[in-house]
PDB file of all heavy atoms in Angstrom:
ATOM      1  N   GLN A   1      47.814 -24.408  -3.775  1.00  0.00           N
ATOM      2  CA  GLN A   1      48.584 -25.223  -2.836  1.00  0.00           C
ATOM      3  C   GLN A   1      49.463 -26.232  -3.570  1.00  0.00           C
ATOM      4  O   GLN A   1      50.600 -26.487  -3.153  1.00  0.00           O
ATOM      5  CB  GLN A   1      47.628 -25.944  -1.877  1.00  0.00           C
ATOM      6  CG  GLN A   1      46.950 -25.012  -0.880  1.00  0.00           C
ATOM      7  CD  GLN A   1      46.096 -25.761   0.105  1.00  0.00           C
ATOM      8  OE1 GLN A   1      45.735 -26.918  -0.115  1.00  0.00           O
ATOM      9  NE2 GLN A   1      45.730 -25.118   1.208  1.00  0.00           N
ATOM     10  N   ALA A   2      48.941 -26.789  -4.662  1.00  0.00           N
ATOM     11  CA  ALA A   2      49.735 -27.751  -5.420  1.00  0.00           C
ATOM     12  C   ALA A   2      50.949 -27.079  -6.057  1.00  0.00           C
ATOM     13  O   ALA A   2      52.065 -27.612  -6.032  1.00  0.00           O
ATOM     14  CB  ALA A   2      48.875 -28.423  -6.483  1.00  0.00           C
ATOM     15  N   SER A   3      50.733 -25.886  -6.619  1.00  0.00           N
ATOM     16  CA  SER A   3      51.853 -25.179  -7.245  1.00  0.00           C
ATOM     17  C   SER A   3      52.849 -24.703  -6.194  1.00  0.00           C
ATOM     18  O   SER A   3      54.063 -24.738  -6.414  1.00  0.00           O
ATOM     19  CB  SER A   3      51.334 -23.986  -8.057  1.00  0.00           C
ATOM     20  OG  SER A   3      50.624 -23.084  -7.222  1.00  0.00           O
ATOM     21  N   THR A   4      52.344 -24.254  -5.024  1.00  0.00           N
ATOM     22  CA  THR A   4      53.232 -23.814  -3.954  1.00  0.00           C
ATOM     23  C   THR A   4      54.020 -24.985  -3.386  1.00  0.00           C
ATOM     24  O   THR A   4      55.202 -24.852  -3.048  1.00  0.00           O
ATOM     25  CB  THR A   4      52.426 -23.127  -2.841  1.00  0.00           C
ATOM     26  OG1 THR A   4      51.636 -22.078  -3.398  1.00  0.00           O
ATOM     27  CG2 THR A   4      53.349 -22.543  -1.794  1.00  0.00           C
ATOM     28  N   ALA A   5      53.344 -26.133  -3.270  1.00  0.00           N
ATOM     29  CA  ALA A   5      54.031 -27.312  -2.746  1.00  0.00           C
ATOM     30  C   ALA A   5      55.152 -27.762  -3.665  1.00  0.00           C
ATOM     31  O   ALA A   5      56.129 -28.374  -3.222  1.00  0.00           O
ATOM     32  CB  ALA A   5      53.032 -28.443  -2.542  1.00  0.00           C
ATOM     33  N   ALA A   6      55.035 -27.443  -4.973  1.00  0.00           N
ATOM     34  CA  ALA A   6      56.067 -27.856  -5.928  1.00  0.00           C
ATOM     35  C   ALA A   6      57.264 -26.918  -5.939  1.00  0.00           C
ATOM     36  O   ALA A   6      58.288 -27.225  -6.567  1.00  0.00           O
ATOM     37  CB  ALA A   6      55.464 -27.924  -7.327  1.00  0.00           C
ATOM     38  N   LEU A   7      57.174 -25.764  -5.243  1.00  0.00           N
ATOM     39  CA  LEU A   7      58.279 -24.817  -5.230  1.00  0.00           C
ATOM     40  C   LEU A   7      59.470 -25.382  -4.457  1.00  0.00           C
ATOM     41  O   LEU A   7      59.303 -26.105  -3.472  1.00  0.00           O
ATOM     42  CB  LEU A   7      57.841 -23.502  -4.590  1.00  0.00           C
ATOM     43  CG  LEU A   7      56.833 -22.639  -5.355  1.00  0.00           C
ATOM     44  CD1 LEU A   7      56.421 -21.443  -4.510  1.00  0.00           C
ATOM     45  CD2 LEU A   7      57.422 -22.157  -6.665  1.00  0.00           C
ATOM     46  N   SER A   8      60.657 -25.022  -4.906  1.00  0.00           N
ATOM     47  CA  SER A   8      61.856 -25.417  -4.167  1.00  0.00           C
ATOM     48  C   SER A   8      62.095 -24.517  -2.970  1.00  0.00           C
ATOM     49  O   SER A   8      62.834 -24.876  -2.045  1.00  0.00           O
ATOM     50  CB  SER A   8      63.081 -25.382  -5.089  1.00  0.00           C
ATOM     51  OG  SER A   8      63.257 -24.079  -5.631  1.00  0.00           O
ATOM     52  N   ASP A   9      61.481 -23.320  -2.968  1.00  0.00           N
ATOM     53  CA  ASP A   9      61.588 -22.403  -1.835  1.00  0.00           C
ATOM     54  C   ASP A   9      60.494 -22.709  -0.823  1.00  0.00           C
ATOM     55  O   ASP A   9      59.374 -23.091  -1.186  1.00  0.00           O
ATOM     56  CB  ASP A   9      61.451 -20.951  -2.289  1.00  0.00           C
ATOM     57  CG  ASP A   9      62.567 -20.533  -3.229  1.00  0.00           C
ATOM     58  OD1 ASP A   9      63.614 -21.206  -3.203  1.00  0.00           O
ATOM     59  OD2 ASP A   9      62.392 -19.550  -3.968  1.00  0.00           O
ATOM     60  N   ALA A  10      60.806 -22.526   0.446  1.00  0.00           N
ATOM     61  CA  ALA A  10      59.827 -22.747   1.503  1.00  0.00           C
ATOM     62  C   ALA A  10      58.870 -21.568   1.565  1.00  0.00           C
ATOM     63  O   ALA A  10      59.288 -20.406   1.504  1.00  0.00           O
ATOM     64  CB  ALA A  10      60.526 -22.918   2.841  1.00  0.00           C
ATOM     65  N   VAL A  11      57.573 -21.866   1.683  1.00  0.00           N
ATOM     66  CA  VAL A  11      56.533 -20.848   1.802  1.00  0.00           C
ATOM     67  C   VAL A  11      55.759 -21.131   3.084  1.00  0.00           C
ATOM     68  O   VAL A  11      55.243 -22.231   3.266  1.00  0.00           O
ATOM     69  CB  VAL A  11      55.588 -20.848   0.586  1.00  0.00           C
ATOM     70  CG1 VAL A  11      54.509 -19.791   0.753  1.00  0.00           C
ATOM     71  CG2 VAL A  11      56.374 -20.614  -0.697  1.00  0.00           C
ATOM     72  N   VAL A  12      55.676 -20.123   3.956  1.00  0.00           N
ATOM     73  CA  VAL A  12      55.014 -20.287   5.249  1.00  0.00           C
ATOM     74  C   VAL A  12      54.021 -19.143   5.439  1.00  0.00           C
ATOM     75  O   VAL A  12      54.389 -17.972   5.283  1.00  0.00           O
ATOM     76  CB  VAL A  12      56.030 -20.290   6.414  1.00  0.00           C
ATOM     77  CG1 VAL A  12      55.319 -20.533   7.740  1.00  0.00           C
ATOM     78  CG2 VAL A  12      57.109 -21.339   6.186  1.00  0.00           C
ATOM     79  N   MET A  13      52.771 -19.496   5.765  1.00  0.00           N
ATOM     80  CA  MET A  13      51.742 -18.496   6.053  1.00  0.00           C
ATOM     81  C   MET A  13      51.627 -18.355   7.568  1.00  0.00           C
ATOM     82  O   MET A  13      51.465 -19.341   8.284  1.00  0.00           O
ATOM     83  CB  MET A  13      50.401 -18.907   5.449  1.00  0.00           C
ATOM     84  CG  MET A  13      50.411 -18.983   3.934  1.00  0.00           C
ATOM     85  SD  MET A  13      48.846 -19.593   3.241  1.00  0.00           S
ATOM     86  CE  MET A  13      47.732 -18.277   3.769  1.00  0.00           C
ATOM     87  N   ILE A  14      51.702 -17.097   8.036  1.00  0.00           N
ATOM     88  CA  ILE A  14      51.714 -16.795   9.471  1.00  0.00           C
ATOM     89  C   ILE A  14      50.586 -15.820   9.771  1.00  0.00           C
ATOM     90  O   ILE A  14      50.415 -14.822   9.049  1.00  0.00           O
ATOM     91  CB  ILE A  14      53.068 -16.197   9.892  1.00  0.00           C
ATOM     92  CG1 ILE A  14      54.208 -17.132   9.466  1.00  0.00           C
ATOM     93  CG2 ILE A  14      53.119 -15.928  11.379  1.00  0.00           C
ATOM     94  CD1 ILE A  14      55.592 -16.536   9.630  1.00  0.00           C
ATOM     95  N   ASP A  15      49.808 -16.095  10.824  1.00  0.00           N
ATOM     96  CA  ASP A  15      48.679 -15.216  11.149  1.00  0.00           C
ATOM     97  C   ASP A  15      49.159 -13.952  11.849  1.00  0.00           C
ATOM     98  O   ASP A  15      50.365 -13.746  12.071  1.00  0.00           O
ATOM     99  CB  ASP A  15      47.635 -15.960  11.980  1.00  0.00           C
ATOM    100  CG  ASP A  15      48.145 -16.359  13.361  1.00  0.00           C
ATOM    101  OD1 ASP A  15      49.208 -15.852  13.783  1.00  0.00           O
ATOM    102  OD2 ASP A  15      47.484 -17.181  14.027  1.00  0.00           O
ATOM    103  N   SER A  16      48.209 -13.089  12.219  1.00  0.00           N
ATOM    104  CA  SER A  16      48.545 -11.795  12.794  1.00  0.00           C
ATOM    105  C   SER A  16      49.210 -11.908  14.156  1.00  0.00           C
ATOM    106  O   SER A  16      49.864 -10.972  14.612  1.00  0.00           O
ATOM    107  CB  SER A  16      47.274 -10.939  12.926  1.00  0.00           C
ATOM    108  OG  SER A  16      46.292 -11.609  13.716  1.00  0.00           O
ATOM    109  N   LYS A  17      49.064 -13.060  14.827  1.00  0.00           N
ATOM    110  CA  LYS A  17      49.677 -13.263  16.138  1.00  0.00           C
ATOM    111  C   LYS A  17      51.061 -13.919  16.046  1.00  0.00           C
ATOM    112  O   LYS A  17      51.693 -14.153  17.069  1.00  0.00           O
ATOM    113  CB  LYS A  17      48.770 -14.113  17.016  1.00  0.00           C
ATOM    114  CG  LYS A  17      47.424 -13.463  17.318  1.00  0.00           C
ATOM    115  CD  LYS A  17      46.574 -14.359  18.202  1.00  0.00           C
ATOM    116  CE  LYS A  17      45.226 -13.706  18.509  1.00  0.00           C
ATOM    117  NZ  LYS A  17      44.375 -14.577  19.374  1.00  0.00           N
ATOM    118  N   GLY A  18      51.490 -14.231  14.842  1.00  0.00           N
ATOM    119  CA  GLY A  18      52.795 -14.860  14.675  1.00  0.00           C
ATOM    120  C   GLY A  18      52.746 -16.372  14.741  1.00  0.00           C
ATOM    121  O   GLY A  18      53.785 -17.017  14.926  1.00  0.00           O
ATOM    122  N   LYS A  19      51.549 -16.964  14.572  1.00  0.00           N
ATOM    123  CA  LYS A  19      51.404 -18.412  14.622  1.00  0.00           C
ATOM    124  C   LYS A  19      51.359 -18.992  13.206  1.00  0.00           C
ATOM    125  O   LYS A  19      50.866 -18.359  12.276  1.00  0.00           O
ATOM    126  CB  LYS A  19      50.122 -18.796  15.369  1.00  0.00           C
ATOM    127  CG  LYS A  19      50.128 -18.378  16.834  1.00  0.00           C
ATOM    128  CD  LYS A  19      48.842 -18.815  17.524  1.00  0.00           C
ATOM    129  CE  LYS A  19      48.843 -18.430  19.003  1.00  0.00           C
ATOM    130  NZ  LYS A  19      47.588 -18.864  19.675  1.00  0.00           N
ATOM    131  N   LEU A  20      51.865 -20.224  13.080  1.00  0.00           N
ATOM    132  CA  LEU A  20      51.902 -20.889  11.777  1.00  0.00           C
ATOM    133  C   LEU A  20      50.503 -21.330  11.362  1.00  0.00           C
ATOM    134  O   LEU A  20      49.766 -21.927  12.148  1.00  0.00           O
ATOM    135  CB  LEU A  20      52.820 -22.109  11.843  1.00  0.00           C
ATOM    136  CG  LEU A  20      54.291 -21.844  12.189  1.00  0.00           C
ATOM    137  CD1 LEU A  20      55.045 -23.152  12.293  1.00  0.00           C
ATOM    138  CD2 LEU A  20      54.932 -20.953  11.150  1.00  0.00           C
ATOM    139  N   GLU A  21      50.145 -21.024  10.106  1.00  0.00           N
ATOM    140  CA  GLU A  21      48.853 -21.441   9.572  1.00  0.00           C
ATOM    141  C   GLU A  21      49.001 -22.552   8.532  1.00  0.00           C
ATOM    142  O   GLU A  21      48.256 -23.522   8.544  1.00  0.00           O
ATOM    143  CB  GLU A  21      48.130 -20.235   8.939  1.00  0.00           C
ATOM    144  CG  GLU A  21      47.531 -19.273   9.940  1.00  0.00           C
ATOM    145  CD  GLU A  21      46.658 -18.235   9.258  1.00  0.00           C
ATOM    146  OE1 GLU A  21      46.972 -17.844   8.099  1.00  0.00           O
ATOM    147  OE2 GLU A  21      45.654 -17.806   9.859  1.00  0.00           O
ATOM    148  N   TRP A  22      49.969 -22.376   7.625  1.00  0.00           N
ATOM    149  CA  TRP A  22      50.145 -23.348   6.540  1.00  0.00           C
ATOM    150  C   TRP A  22      51.559 -23.219   6.008  1.00  0.00           C
ATOM    151  O   TRP A  22      52.171 -22.146   6.056  1.00  0.00           O
ATOM    152  CB  TRP A  22      49.125 -23.096   5.428  1.00  0.00           C
ATOM    153  CG  TRP A  22      49.267 -24.035   4.268  1.00  0.00           C
ATOM    154  CD1 TRP A  22      48.673 -25.251   4.113  1.00  0.00           C
ATOM    155  CD2 TRP A  22      50.062 -23.824   3.087  1.00  0.00           C
ATOM    156  NE1 TRP A  22      49.046 -25.817   2.929  1.00  0.00           N
ATOM    157  CE2 TRP A  22      49.901 -24.973   2.266  1.00  0.00           C
ATOM    158  CE3 TRP A  22      50.887 -22.793   2.653  1.00  0.00           C
ATOM    159  CZ2 TRP A  22      50.527 -25.093   1.054  1.00  0.00           C
ATOM    160  CZ3 TRP A  22      51.529 -22.923   1.433  1.00  0.00           C
ATOM    161  CH2 TRP A  22      51.330 -24.073   0.638  1.00  0.00           C
ATOM    162  N   TRP A  23      52.103 -24.340   5.502  1.00  0.00           N
ATOM    163  CA  TRP A  23      53.429 -24.311   4.876  1.00  0.00           C
ATOM    164  C   TRP A  23      53.500 -25.427   3.844  1.00  0.00           C
ATOM    165  O   TRP A  23      52.710 -26.377   3.863  1.00  0.00           O
ATOM    166  CB  TRP A  23      54.536 -24.464   5.922  1.00  0.00           C
ATOM    167  CG  TRP A  23      54.425 -25.699   6.763  1.00  0.00           C
ATOM    168  CD1 TRP A  23      54.914 -26.939   6.492  1.00  0.00           C
ATOM    169  CD2 TRP A  23      53.747 -25.821   8.021  1.00  0.00           C
ATOM    170  NE1 TRP A  23      54.615 -27.822   7.482  1.00  0.00           N
ATOM    171  CE2 TRP A  23      53.893 -27.164   8.444  1.00  0.00           C
ATOM    172  CE3 TRP A  23      53.046 -24.928   8.833  1.00  0.00           C
ATOM    173  CZ2 TRP A  23      53.349 -27.628   9.635  1.00  0.00           C
ATOM    174  CZ3 TRP A  23      52.514 -25.395  10.017  1.00  0.00           C
ATOM    175  CH2 TRP A  23      52.668 -26.722  10.422  1.00  0.00           C
ATOM    176  N   ASN A  24      54.448 -25.301   2.933  1.00  0.00           N
ATOM    177  CA  ASN A  24      54.592 -26.307   1.880  1.00  0.00           C
ATOM    178  C   ASN A  24      55.636 -27.356   2.288  1.00  0.00           C
ATOM    179  O   ASN A  24      56.236 -27.289   3.363  1.00  0.00           O
ATOM    180  CB  ASN A  24      54.952 -25.644   0.542  1.00  0.00           C
ATOM    181  CG  ASN A  24      56.287 -24.934   0.596  1.00  0.00           C
ATOM    182  OD1 ASN A  24      56.899 -24.798   1.663  1.00  0.00           O
ATOM    183  ND2 ASN A  24      56.756 -24.473  -0.546  1.00  0.00           N
ATOM    184  N   HIS A  25      55.849 -28.328   1.408  1.00  0.00           N
ATOM    185  CA  HIS A  25      56.771 -29.426   1.726  1.00  0.00           C
ATOM    186  C   HIS A  25      58.209 -28.935   1.883  1.00  0.00           C
ATOM    187  O   HIS A  25      58.978 -29.483   2.691  1.00  0.00           O
ATOM    188  CB  HIS A  25      56.702 -30.495   0.632  1.00  0.00           C
ATOM    189  CG  HIS A  25      55.348 -31.138   0.513  1.00  0.00           C
ATOM    190  ND1 HIS A  25      54.694 -31.674   1.600  1.00  0.00           N
ATOM    191  CD2 HIS A  25      54.523 -31.323  -0.553  1.00  0.00           C
ATOM    192  CE1 HIS A  25      53.520 -32.175   1.217  1.00  0.00           C
ATOM    193  NE2 HIS A  25      53.397 -31.965  -0.093  1.00  0.00           N
ATOM    194  N   ALA A  26      58.582 -27.901   1.097  1.00  0.00           N
ATOM    195  CA  ALA A  26      59.958 -27.385   1.202  1.00  0.00           C
ATOM    196  C   ALA A  26      60.233 -26.819   2.594  1.00  0.00           C
ATOM    197  O   ALA A  26      61.358 -26.898   3.091  1.00  0.00           O
ATOM    198  CB  ALA A  26      60.196 -26.312   0.137  1.00  0.00           C
ATOM    199  N   ALA A  27      59.204 -26.250   3.242  1.00  0.00           N
ATOM    200  CA  ALA A  27      59.386 -25.714   4.595  1.00  0.00           C
ATOM    201  C   ALA A  27      59.683 -26.838   5.587  1.00  0.00           C
ATOM    202  O   ALA A  27      60.457 -26.652   6.536  1.00  0.00           O
ATOM    203  CB  ALA A  27      58.141 -24.932   5.016  1.00  0.00           C
ATOM    204  N   GLU A  28      59.075 -27.985   5.391  1.00  0.00           N
ATOM    205  CA  GLU A  28      59.362 -29.122   6.262  1.00  0.00           C
ATOM    206  C   GLU A  28      60.800 -29.589   6.090  1.00  0.00           C
ATOM    207  O   GLU A  28      61.472 -29.948   7.057  1.00  0.00           O
ATOM    208  CB  GLU A  28      58.382 -30.263   5.968  1.00  0.00           C
ATOM    209  CG  GLU A  28      56.924 -29.898   6.224  1.00  0.00           C
ATOM    210  CD  GLU A  28      55.977 -31.041   5.877  1.00  0.00           C
ATOM    211  OE1 GLU A  28      56.470 -32.069   5.369  1.00  0.00           O
ATOM    212  OE2 GLU A  28      54.766 -30.903   6.114  1.00  0.00           O
ATOM    213  N   ARG A  29      61.274 -29.546   4.839  1.00  0.00           N
ATOM    214  CA  ARG A  29      62.633 -30.008   4.557  1.00  0.00           C
ATOM    215  C   ARG A  29      63.682 -28.992   5.022  1.00  0.00           C
ATOM    216  O   ARG A  29      64.721 -29.372   5.565  1.00  0.00           O
ATOM    217  CB  ARG A  29      62.779 -30.252   3.061  1.00  0.00           C
ATOM    218  CG  ARG A  29      64.135 -30.823   2.668  1.00  0.00           C
ATOM    219  CD  ARG A  29      64.233 -31.029   1.172  1.00  0.00           C
ATOM    220  NE  ARG A  29      64.267 -29.782   0.427  1.00  0.00           N
ATOM    221  CZ  ARG A  29      63.258 -29.281  -0.257  1.00  0.00           C
ATOM    222  NH1 ARG A  29      62.097 -29.914  -0.294  1.00  0.00           N
ATOM    223  NH2 ARG A  29      63.381 -28.134  -0.904  1.00  0.00           N
ATOM    224  N   MET A  30      63.406 -27.704   4.839  1.00  0.00           N
ATOM    225  CA  MET A  30      64.410 -26.681   5.110  1.00  0.00           C
ATOM    226  C   MET A  30      64.361 -26.171   6.551  1.00  0.00           C
ATOM    227  O   MET A  30      65.398 -25.794   7.110  1.00  0.00           O
ATOM    228  CB  MET A  30      64.223 -25.505   4.137  1.00  0.00           C
ATOM    229  CG  MET A  30      64.423 -25.896   2.684  1.00  0.00           C
ATOM    230  SD  MET A  30      63.877 -24.627   1.515  1.00  0.00           S
ATOM    231  CE  MET A  30      65.028 -23.316   1.885  1.00  0.00           C
ATOM    232  N   LEU A  31      63.163 -26.138   7.151  1.00  0.00           N
ATOM    233  CA  LEU A  31      63.010 -25.566   8.488  1.00  0.00           C
ATOM    234  C   LEU A  31      62.687 -26.608   9.552  1.00  0.00           C
ATOM    235  O   LEU A  31      62.661 -26.284  10.738  1.00  0.00           O
ATOM    236  CB  LEU A  31      61.909 -24.497   8.482  1.00  0.00           C
ATOM    237  CG  LEU A  31      62.103 -23.331   7.505  1.00  0.00           C
ATOM    238  CD1 LEU A  31      60.897 -22.413   7.543  1.00  0.00           C
ATOM    239  CD2 LEU A  31      63.374 -22.559   7.831  1.00  0.00           C
ATOM    240  N   GLY A  32      62.405 -27.834   9.110  1.00  0.00           N
ATOM    241  CA  GLY A  32      62.106 -28.875  10.076  1.00  0.00           C
ATOM    242  C   GLY A  32      60.703 -28.810  10.631  1.00  0.00           C
ATOM    243  O   GLY A  32      60.429 -29.377  11.704  1.00  0.00           O
ATOM    244  N   LEU A  33      59.781 -28.130   9.950  1.00  0.00           N
ATOM    245  CA  LEU A  33      58.398 -28.054  10.423  1.00  0.00           C
ATOM    246  C   LEU A  33      57.711 -29.402  10.233  1.00  0.00           C
ATOM    247  O   LEU A  33      57.975 -30.116   9.266  1.00  0.00           O
ATOM    248  CB  LEU A  33      57.634 -26.965   9.664  1.00  0.00           C
ATOM    249  CG  LEU A  33      58.212 -25.545   9.754  1.00  0.00           C
ATOM    250  CD1 LEU A  33      57.341 -24.573   8.984  1.00  0.00           C
ATOM    251  CD2 LEU A  33      58.352 -25.104  11.195  1.00  0.00           C
ATOM    252  N   ARG A  34      56.800 -29.723  11.139  1.00  0.00           N
ATOM    253  CA  ARG A  34      56.080 -30.995  11.083  1.00  0.00           C
ATOM    254  C   ARG A  34      54.584 -30.741  11.126  1.00  0.00           C
ATOM    255  O   ARG A  34      54.093 -29.988  11.971  1.00  0.00           O
ATOM    256  CB  ARG A  34      56.476 -31.886  12.265  1.00  0.00           C
ATOM    257  CG  ARG A  34      57.945 -32.299  12.277  1.00  0.00           C
ATOM    258  CD  ARG A  34      58.271 -33.093  13.519  1.00  0.00           C
ATOM    259  NE  ARG A  34      58.019 -32.275  14.725  1.00  0.00           N
ATOM    260  CZ  ARG A  34      58.119 -32.753  15.956  1.00  0.00           C
ATOM    261  NH1 ARG A  34      58.439 -34.017  16.165  1.00  0.00           N
ATOM    262  NH2 ARG A  34      57.883 -31.952  16.994  1.00  0.00           N
ATOM    263  N   ALA A  35      53.898 -31.354  10.180  1.00  0.00           N
ATOM    264  CA  ALA A  35      52.431 -31.246  10.138  1.00  0.00           C
ATOM    265  C   ALA A  35      51.821 -32.516  10.723  1.00  0.00           C
ATOM    266  O   ALA A  35      52.308 -33.620  10.455  1.00  0.00           O
ATOM    267  CB  ALA A  35      51.962 -31.043   8.695  1.00  0.00           C
ATOM    268  N   PRO A  36      50.732 -32.395  11.509  1.00  0.00           N
ATOM    269  CA  PRO A  36      50.070 -31.146  11.930  1.00  0.00           C
ATOM    270  C   PRO A  36      50.537 -30.648  13.287  1.00  0.00           C
ATOM    271  O   PRO A  36      49.928 -29.741  13.855  1.00  0.00           O
ATOM    272  CB  PRO A  36      48.618 -31.575  11.989  1.00  0.00           C
ATOM    273  CG  PRO A  36      48.689 -32.995  12.472  1.00  0.00           C
ATOM    274  CD  PRO A  36      49.944 -33.592  11.896  1.00  0.00           C
ATOM    275  N   ASP A  37      51.615 -31.235  13.852  1.00  0.00           N
ATOM    276  CA  ASP A  37      52.021 -30.905  15.224  1.00  0.00           C
ATOM    277  C   ASP A  37      52.365 -29.431  15.399  1.00  0.00           C
ATOM    278  O   ASP A  37      52.058 -28.836  16.431  1.00  0.00           O
ATOM    279  CB  ASP A  37      53.219 -31.764  15.631  1.00  0.00           C
ATOM    280  CG  ASP A  37      52.893 -33.247  15.646  1.00  0.00           C
ATOM    281  OD1 ASP A  37      51.689 -33.569  15.683  1.00  0.00           O
ATOM    282  OD2 ASP A  37      53.827 -34.073  15.604  1.00  0.00           O
ATOM    283  N   ASP A  38      53.024 -28.832  14.392  1.00  0.00           N
ATOM    284  CA  ASP A  38      53.493 -27.451  14.534  1.00  0.00           C
ATOM    285  C   ASP A  38      52.447 -26.424  14.125  1.00  0.00           C
ATOM    286  O   ASP A  38      52.702 -25.213  14.246  1.00  0.00           O
ATOM    287  CB  ASP A  38      54.763 -27.245  13.702  1.00  0.00           C
ATOM    288  CG  ASP A  38      55.936 -28.044  14.246  1.00  0.00           C
ATOM    289  OD1 ASP A  38      55.912 -28.337  15.452  1.00  0.00           O
ATOM    290  OD2 ASP A  38      56.835 -28.389  13.469  1.00  0.00           O
ATOM    291  N   SER A  39      51.317 -26.843  13.617  1.00  0.00           N
ATOM    292  CA  SER A  39      50.267 -25.899  13.228  1.00  0.00           C
ATOM    293  C   SER A  39      49.752 -25.167  14.463  1.00  0.00           C
ATOM    294  O   SER A  39      49.424 -25.781  15.484  1.00  0.00           O
ATOM    295  CB  SER A  39      49.117 -26.633  12.543  1.00  0.00           C
ATOM    296  OG  SER A  39      48.122 -25.715  12.132  1.00  0.00           O
ATOM    297  N   GLY A  40      49.696 -23.835  14.379  1.00  0.00           N
ATOM    298  CA  GLY A  40      49.250 -23.029  15.503  1.00  0.00           C
ATOM    299  C   GLY A  40      50.357 -22.642  16.462  1.00  0.00           C
ATOM    300  O   GLY A  40      50.116 -21.892  17.415  1.00  0.00           O
ATOM    301  N   GLN A  41      51.600 -23.122  16.222  1.00  0.00           N
ATOM    302  CA  GLN A  41      52.724 -22.757  17.075  1.00  0.00           C
ATOM    303  C   GLN A  41      53.301 -21.401  16.630  1.00  0.00           C
ATOM    304  O   GLN A  41      53.221 -21.011  15.470  1.00  0.00           O
ATOM    305  CB  GLN A  41      53.821 -23.824  16.996  1.00  0.00           C
ATOM    306  CG  GLN A  41      53.410 -25.184  17.512  1.00  0.00           C
ATOM    307  CD  GLN A  41      53.222 -25.190  19.019  1.00  0.00           C
ATOM    308  OE1 GLN A  41      53.937 -24.487  19.734  1.00  0.00           O
ATOM    309  NE2 GLN A  41      52.262 -25.967  19.492  1.00  0.00           N
TER     310      GLN A  41
END
């Protein structure tokens, strides 16, 4: 998670139903995701 969080590219983990499970800081900057409000959306 620390190494993924340091990536400049956004990384988003999505479950089998298409819901958000986890994302790094770049995803918040590039996609506007907010933790923890968007978790499970």
